[in-house]
Protein backbone atom coordinates (compact mmCIF):
# COMPACT_ATOMS: atom_id res chain seq x y z
CA MET A 1 21.14 -7.43 -5.69
CA ASP A 2 22.24 -8.16 -2.19
CA ASP A 3 22.08 -11.83 -1.68
CA THR A 4 21.40 -11.54 2.23
CA ARG A 5 20.93 -15.00 3.60
CA PHE A 6 20.13 -15.86 7.23
CA THR A 7 21.17 -18.96 9.07
CA PRO A 8 18.75 -21.25 11.01
CA ASP A 9 19.97 -19.65 14.32
CA GLU A 10 19.61 -15.94 13.06
CA LEU A 11 15.81 -17.13 11.73
CA SER A 12 15.25 -18.40 15.11
CA THR A 13 16.49 -15.31 16.87
CA LEU A 14 14.24 -13.22 14.68
CA ARG A 15 11.31 -15.19 15.56
CA GLU A 16 11.77 -14.62 19.14
CA HIS A 17 11.58 -11.01 18.49
CA GLY A 18 8.43 -11.34 16.36
CA VAL A 19 9.75 -11.21 12.89
CA VAL A 20 9.35 -13.78 10.30
CA LEU A 21 10.45 -13.91 6.61
CA PHE A 22 7.86 -15.17 4.07
CA ALA A 23 8.25 -15.12 0.34
CA ASP A 24 11.24 -12.72 0.41
CA ARG A 25 9.20 -10.18 2.66
CA VAL A 26 9.55 -9.23 6.33
CA ILE A 27 6.37 -9.83 8.66
CA PHE A 28 6.78 -8.25 12.21
CA ASP A 29 4.92 -8.34 15.35
CA ALA A 30 4.26 -11.72 13.88
CA GLN A 31 1.99 -14.25 15.81
CA PRO A 32 2.58 -17.86 16.68
CA PRO A 33 1.83 -20.53 13.95
CA MET A 34 -2.05 -21.11 13.53
CA PRO A 35 -3.03 -24.17 15.35
CA ARG A 36 -4.41 -27.12 13.35
CA GLN A 37 -7.76 -26.89 14.79
CA GLN A 38 -8.05 -23.17 14.15
CA ILE A 39 -7.03 -23.80 10.35
CA ASP A 40 -9.70 -26.70 10.41
CA ALA A 41 -12.28 -24.18 11.54
CA VAL A 42 -11.56 -21.78 8.70
CA GLN A 43 -11.53 -24.40 6.18
CA ALA A 44 -15.07 -25.61 7.33
CA GLN A 45 -16.39 -21.99 6.54
CA CYS A 46 -14.65 -22.07 3.03
CA ALA A 47 -16.51 -23.27 -0.31
CA GLY A 48 -13.14 -24.88 -1.54
CA PRO A 49 -9.77 -25.71 -0.09
CA ILE A 50 -7.57 -22.95 1.39
CA PRO A 51 -4.68 -22.31 -0.96
CA GLU A 52 -1.71 -24.08 -0.21
CA ALA A 53 0.52 -20.89 0.05
CA LEU A 54 -1.89 -19.23 2.55
CA LEU A 55 -1.57 -22.45 4.79
CA ALA A 56 2.12 -22.33 4.31
CA LEU A 57 2.15 -18.75 5.71
CA TRP A 58 -0.17 -19.63 8.59
CA GLN A 59 1.91 -22.60 9.61
CA GLN A 60 4.68 -20.03 10.03
CA THR A 61 2.79 -17.28 11.71
CA ALA A 62 -1.04 -16.72 12.27
CA GLY A 63 -0.91 -12.93 11.47
CA GLY A 64 1.22 -9.70 12.10
CA ARG A 65 2.05 -6.59 10.22
CA LEU A 66 3.58 -5.53 6.92
CA ASP A 67 5.18 -2.27 5.91
CA TYR A 68 5.40 -2.09 2.03
CA ASP A 69 3.85 -0.07 -0.78
CA LEU A 70 1.21 -1.47 -3.21
CA SER A 71 -0.72 -0.03 -5.97
CA LEU A 72 -3.24 -1.34 -8.29
CA GLU A 73 -5.48 0.01 -11.18
CA MET A 74 -8.95 0.69 -10.15
CA ASN A 75 -11.66 2.70 -11.85
CA GLY A 76 -8.86 3.86 -14.25
CA ASN A 77 -6.70 5.22 -11.49
CA LEU A 78 -3.64 3.85 -9.93
CA GLU A 79 -4.65 3.49 -6.25
CA ALA A 80 -2.43 2.84 -3.18
CA ILE A 81 -3.69 -0.23 -1.22
CA SER A 82 -3.00 -0.45 2.58
CA TRP A 83 -2.06 -4.05 3.11
CA ASN A 84 -0.60 -3.33 6.59
CA GLU A 85 -2.15 -6.08 8.64
CA LEU A 86 -2.38 -10.04 8.40
CA PHE A 87 -5.50 -10.89 10.29
CA TRP A 88 -5.25 -13.38 13.07
CA ASN A 89 -7.55 -14.89 15.65
CA GLY A 90 -7.89 -13.10 18.97
CA SER A 91 -6.72 -9.85 17.76
CA ASP A 92 -8.82 -6.68 18.76
CA GLY A 93 -10.85 -4.75 16.56
CA TYR A 94 -10.01 -4.51 12.97
CA HIS A 95 -7.43 -7.22 12.80
CA ASP A 96 -9.51 -10.19 14.01
CA LEU A 97 -9.66 -13.18 11.48
CA GLN A 98 -12.78 -14.83 12.62
CA GLY A 99 -14.42 -11.29 12.97
CA TRP A 100 -14.03 -10.68 9.30
CA ILE A 101 -14.85 -13.89 8.36
CA ALA A 102 -18.23 -13.64 10.03
CA HIS A 103 -18.64 -9.97 8.43
CA GLU A 104 -18.13 -11.69 5.11
CA LEU A 105 -20.57 -14.55 5.81
CA GLU A 106 -23.30 -12.00 6.78
CA LEU A 107 -22.90 -9.77 3.68
CA ALA A 108 -22.81 -13.00 1.46
CA GLU A 109 -26.15 -14.26 3.14
CA GLU A 110 -27.80 -10.80 2.50
CA ALA A 111 -26.61 -10.63 -0.86
CA ALA A 112 -28.11 -14.14 -1.66
CA GLN A 113 -31.24 -13.14 0.05
CA GLU A 114 -31.57 -9.85 -1.92
CA GLY A 115 -30.93 -11.66 -5.35
CA GLY A 116 -33.30 -14.54 -4.57
CA THR A 117 -30.72 -17.07 -5.06
CA PRO A 118 -29.48 -19.98 -2.89
CA TRP A 119 -26.51 -19.69 -0.84
CA SER A 120 -24.16 -22.47 0.49
CA GLY A 121 -23.35 -20.93 3.60
CA LYS A 122 -19.73 -20.93 2.80
CA LEU A 123 -17.19 -18.22 1.86
CA THR A 124 -15.82 -17.78 -1.71
CA HIS A 125 -13.44 -15.24 -0.89
CA LEU A 126 -11.38 -15.39 2.45
CA PRO A 127 -10.43 -12.14 4.05
CA PHE A 128 -6.99 -12.54 5.71
CA GLY A 129 -5.33 -9.01 5.67
CA GLY A 130 -5.83 -5.33 4.92
CA PHE A 131 -6.18 -2.25 6.85
CA GLU A 132 -8.92 -1.10 9.22
CA TYR A 133 -12.23 -0.94 7.37
CA THR A 134 -10.99 0.65 4.01
CA ASP A 135 -8.81 -1.84 2.48
CA ARG A 136 -9.09 -5.70 2.53
CA ILE A 137 -7.26 -8.53 0.96
CA TYR A 138 -8.94 -11.85 0.17
CA ALA A 139 -7.81 -15.30 -1.05
CA VAL A 140 -10.16 -16.90 -3.55
CA VAL A 141 -11.36 -20.23 -2.22
CA ASP A 142 -14.02 -20.84 -4.74
CA PRO A 143 -13.00 -24.21 -6.25
CA GLY A 144 -13.53 -22.68 -9.73
CA ALA A 145 -10.96 -21.37 -12.18
CA GLY A 146 -9.95 -18.45 -9.99
CA HIS A 147 -8.97 -20.52 -7.03
CA GLY A 148 -5.78 -19.34 -5.19
CA GLN A 149 -6.16 -15.66 -6.67
CA VAL A 150 -5.33 -12.79 -4.23
CA ILE A 151 -7.84 -10.13 -4.59
CA ALA A 152 -7.79 -6.41 -3.01
CA TRP A 153 -10.90 -4.55 -2.17
CA LYS A 154 -10.96 -0.76 -1.53
CA LYS A 155 -13.54 1.48 0.14
CA GLY A 156 -14.60 4.51 -1.98
CA LEU A 157 -14.23 7.87 -0.16
CA PRO A 158 -17.00 10.55 -0.01
CA PRO A 159 -17.03 13.01 -3.17
CA ALA A 160 -15.26 15.76 -1.00
CA TRP A 161 -12.12 13.85 -1.27
CA THR A 162 -10.74 15.03 -4.70
CA HIS A 163 -8.35 12.82 -6.55
CA ALA A 164 -9.59 9.96 -4.59
CA LEU A 165 -11.49 6.78 -5.36
CA HIS A 166 -15.35 7.46 -4.85
CA GLU A 167 -16.66 3.96 -5.48
CA ASP A 168 -15.78 0.45 -3.71
CA SER A 169 -13.44 -1.20 -6.03
CA VAL A 170 -11.60 -4.46 -6.36
CA ASN A 171 -8.93 -5.93 -8.60
CA THR A 172 -6.67 -8.85 -8.62
CA ILE A 173 -3.16 -8.57 -7.14
CA ALA A 174 -1.79 -11.78 -8.31
CA PRO A 175 -2.76 -15.34 -9.35
CA ASP A 176 -1.37 -16.58 -6.03
CA LEU A 177 -0.04 -15.51 -2.47
CA MET A 178 3.50 -15.76 -3.61
CA GLY A 179 2.88 -13.42 -6.31
CA ALA A 180 1.02 -11.03 -4.19
CA PHE A 181 3.93 -10.82 -1.64
CA ALA A 182 6.20 -10.12 -4.58
CA ALA A 183 4.00 -7.25 -5.69
CA LEU A 184 4.85 -5.76 -2.17
CA HIS A 185 7.52 -3.09 -2.86
CA LEU A 186 9.18 0.16 -1.22
CA GLU A 187 8.91 3.26 -3.37
CA GLU A 188 11.83 4.73 -1.74
CA ASP A 189 14.90 3.61 0.37
CA PRO A 190 13.41 3.82 4.05
CA LEU A 191 17.19 4.78 5.26
CA VAL A 192 17.21 7.89 2.95
CA PRO A 193 13.49 8.94 2.91
CA THR A 194 12.52 12.07 1.10
CA GLY A 195 9.60 13.04 3.40
CA ASP A 196 8.53 12.69 7.15
CA TYR A 197 6.29 9.68 6.42
CA PHE A 198 7.30 6.68 4.54
CA SER A 199 6.79 2.91 4.17
CA GLY A 200 9.37 1.38 6.33
CA GLN A 201 9.03 3.85 9.06
CA THR A 202 6.92 1.60 11.54
CA LEU A 203 9.12 -1.59 10.88
CA LEU A 204 12.33 0.70 11.60
CA GLU A 205 10.72 1.91 14.79
CA TYR A 206 9.62 -1.73 15.90
CA LEU A 207 13.29 -2.96 15.11
CA ASP A 208 14.79 -0.13 17.25
CA ASP A 209 12.52 -0.87 20.19
CA ARG A 210 13.60 -4.62 19.77
CA HIS A 211 17.12 -3.72 19.93
CA GLU A 212 16.95 -0.97 22.80
CA GLU A 213 14.41 -2.81 24.96
CA HIS A 214 14.60 -6.46 24.11
CA GLY A 215 18.38 -6.91 23.10
CA LEU A 216 18.10 -7.71 19.42
CA ASP A 217 21.72 -7.70 18.10
CA LEU A 218 22.53 -4.72 16.15
CA ASP A 219 24.25 -6.49 13.28
CA LEU A 220 21.44 -8.91 12.94
CA MET A 221 19.04 -5.94 12.80
CA ASP A 222 21.15 -3.97 10.22
CA LYS A 223 21.16 -7.46 8.09
CA LEU A 224 17.37 -7.69 8.33
CA VAL A 225 17.10 -4.10 7.18
CA ALA A 226 19.51 -4.95 4.10
CA PHE A 227 17.34 -7.68 3.27
CA TYR A 228 14.01 -5.56 3.61
CA SER A 229 15.53 -2.72 1.67
CA ARG A 230 15.75 -5.22 -1.30
CA ALA A 231 12.17 -4.46 -2.06
CA VAL A 232 12.90 -0.85 -3.04
CA ALA A 233 11.52 -0.21 -6.55
CA ASP A 234 14.24 0.26 -9.30
CA TRP A 235 13.03 3.04 -11.55
CA ARG A 236 16.35 4.28 -12.41
CA SER A 237 17.52 1.27 -14.45
CA PRO A 238 14.52 1.52 -16.80
CA LEU A 239 15.04 5.35 -16.94
CA ALA A 240 18.65 4.75 -18.11
CA ALA A 241 17.55 2.23 -20.63
CA GLY A 242 14.74 4.59 -21.96
CA THR A 243 12.10 2.21 -20.99
CA LEU A 244 10.27 3.84 -18.32
CA ARG A 245 7.22 4.94 -20.37
CA HIS A 246 6.56 1.28 -20.73
CA GLN A 247 6.22 0.89 -17.00
CA PRO A 248 3.56 3.29 -15.51
CA SER A 249 3.76 2.12 -11.91
CA LEU A 250 7.40 2.79 -11.78
CA ALA A 251 7.25 6.12 -13.75
CA ARG A 252 4.78 7.20 -10.99
CA VAL A 253 7.31 6.07 -8.24
CA ALA A 254 9.77 8.36 -10.22
CA LEU A 255 7.39 11.39 -10.27
CA ARG A 256 6.73 11.20 -6.68
CA HIS A 257 10.38 11.13 -5.86
CA ALA A 258 10.95 14.17 -8.23
CA ILE A 259 8.07 15.99 -6.44
CA ALA A 260 9.23 15.23 -2.97
CA THR A 261 12.98 16.32 -3.91
CA ASP A 262 11.77 19.17 -6.31
CA ASP A 263 14.09 17.77 -8.78
CA ALA A 264 12.98 19.80 -11.70
CA GLU A 265 15.53 18.22 -13.98
CA LEU A 266 14.20 14.77 -13.19
CA VAL A 267 10.69 15.81 -14.08
CA ALA A 268 11.82 17.25 -17.45
CA SER A 269 14.27 14.84 -18.64
CA ALA A 270 13.32 11.67 -17.00
CA LEU A 271 9.27 11.90 -17.03
CA LEU A 272 8.09 14.42 -19.66
CA ALA A 273 10.76 13.57 -22.09
CA ASN A 274 9.74 9.92 -21.72
CA GLY A 275 6.27 10.15 -22.62
CA ALA A 276 4.83 11.09 -19.34
CA GLU A 277 1.41 13.17 -19.99
CA PRO A 278 1.34 16.31 -18.14
CA ASN A 279 -1.94 17.42 -16.30
CA VAL A 280 -2.99 20.07 -13.93
CA ALA A 281 -3.29 17.73 -11.03
CA GLY A 282 0.21 17.23 -11.04
CA ILE A 283 0.81 20.98 -10.77
CA VAL A 284 -1.38 21.10 -7.99
CA LYS A 285 0.45 18.10 -6.07
CA CYS A 286 3.86 19.41 -6.71
CA ALA A 287 2.73 23.11 -5.16
CA ALA A 288 1.00 21.31 -2.27
CA CYS A 289 4.16 19.29 -1.50
CA GLY A 290 6.33 22.40 -1.84
CA ALA A 291 7.86 21.66 -5.13
CA PRO A 292 7.46 25.04 -6.95
CA ALA A 293 10.09 24.32 -9.67
CA SER A 294 8.54 20.94 -10.60
CA ALA A 295 5.07 22.59 -10.65
CA HIS A 296 6.14 25.28 -13.19
CA LEU A 297 7.99 22.77 -15.35
CA ILE A 298 4.56 20.78 -15.71
CA ALA A 299 2.54 23.85 -15.95
CA ASP A 300 4.71 24.68 -19.01
CA ALA A 301 4.20 21.21 -20.56
CA CYS A 302 0.48 21.47 -19.84
CA ALA A 303 0.28 24.89 -21.81
CA ARG A 304 2.45 23.10 -24.85
CA ALA A 305 -0.09 20.46 -24.79
CA GLY A 306 -2.98 22.97 -25.26
CA ILE A 307 -4.30 23.09 -21.82
CA ASP A 308 -5.75 26.29 -20.55
CA VAL A 309 -3.83 25.89 -17.29
CA GLN A 310 -4.96 29.05 -15.30
CA PRO A 311 -8.53 28.29 -14.90
CA ALA A 312 -8.05 24.46 -14.52
CA PHE A 313 -5.27 25.08 -11.99
CA THR A 314 -7.43 27.45 -9.83
CA ALA A 315 -10.28 24.90 -9.75
CA ASP A 316 -8.04 21.91 -8.83
CA ARG A 317 -6.13 23.97 -6.23
CA ASP A 318 -9.56 25.34 -4.64
CA ALA A 319 -10.79 21.73 -4.50
CA MET A 320 -7.55 20.47 -2.76
CA LEU A 321 -7.57 23.54 -0.35
CA LEU A 322 -11.15 22.83 0.76
CA GLU A 323 -10.26 19.10 1.11
CA LEU A 324 -7.31 19.98 3.34
CA LYS A 325 -9.00 22.44 5.31
CA THR A 326 -12.10 20.19 6.18
CA THR A 327 -9.47 17.44 7.16
CA LEU A 328 -7.67 19.91 9.43
CA ALA A 329 -10.81 21.10 11.06
CA ASP A 330 -12.15 17.53 11.46
CA LYS A 331 -9.42 16.79 14.21
CA HIS A 332 -9.40 13.21 13.13
CA GLY A 333 -6.17 11.43 12.76
CA HIS A 334 -4.44 12.06 9.29
CA TYR A 335 -1.01 10.67 8.12
CA LEU A 336 0.24 14.16 7.54
CA GLY A 337 -0.88 15.37 11.11
CA GLN A 338 -2.06 18.86 12.02
CA GLU A 339 1.18 20.50 11.13
CA GLY A 340 1.63 18.68 7.73
CA LEU A 341 -2.02 19.66 6.64
CA ALA A 342 -1.37 23.28 7.69
CA GLU A 343 1.98 23.22 5.84
CA ARG A 344 0.22 21.93 2.48
CA ILE A 345 -2.28 24.54 2.91
CA GLU A 346 0.18 27.33 3.01
CA HIS A 347 2.05 25.89 0.04
CA LEU A 348 -0.85 25.76 -1.99
CA GLN A 349 -2.19 29.51 -0.99
CA THR A 350 1.25 31.10 -1.54
CA PHE A 351 1.98 29.28 -4.98
CA ARG A 352 1.69 31.30 -8.09
CA LEU A 353 1.72 30.12 -11.70
């Protein structure tokens, strides 16, 4: 493993460019530390003490941005959690710490009134990060047994979004903030991405701007990127050791890599041969991503498993086509963009089993 270390002067320089290192992860667009009076104001709204690790974070930066992958099991599926923001006071819109605290207090009061139960007027779950209105990260500030746990909440999407979470769901990321930061990872190397959209893209663009427009030293920037890249998930080692089947999260990362690169050999010998269960949804996803060789391999494995592939594929394909076409017509922002959506539609329409 790269044992990148930073000198105090280097850390100070990074701080000047809005970069803070915390728990072996990179925070960028980092705000100044949270003043004591603001911390006290948040504490006054909590049912129990703010966890020490969160206080340590706020004493370094009151908020900023993250650019990592995170997945959690929710309602029987492995769901991608968007933890891109650390909320801070004075932020506009979705990133405002006090705005989210006020929102949670209002919801808690309404729930108490509806349930006919007394309410202390204090938070038991403190929102401190997430993404817009769809994903939120909480620290448990109830003084009970779960104190300090970090919880993720994800909003369910309408039924038209196939293969997506359709009910609001929660799950624990880690027993504390340090464990939650350790759970943040990169599914692929941002310096050699397999697609046009990948975690690390936003951070790299931010650093390029700091270098070109604000004089961030190129060697220090490269050193930071090397440090950041230590979070790349290593699925190749358990694959070589024959233990990948026991690590479903890593197996899923390997599968996505195989689809993105249309690596049929990886699909066959690394995944299907290591216990991955083929399903029709995998065929459709491979076809949509322009990975026909992988799609056919999974289809063959489905047939061997006794699945009636053609009608199931047709139903899933048509559902995904409807979803993609609806999103394309909607004109709202989507991570694939209009061109990417149209490309996936074309891949699905032209693919044949």
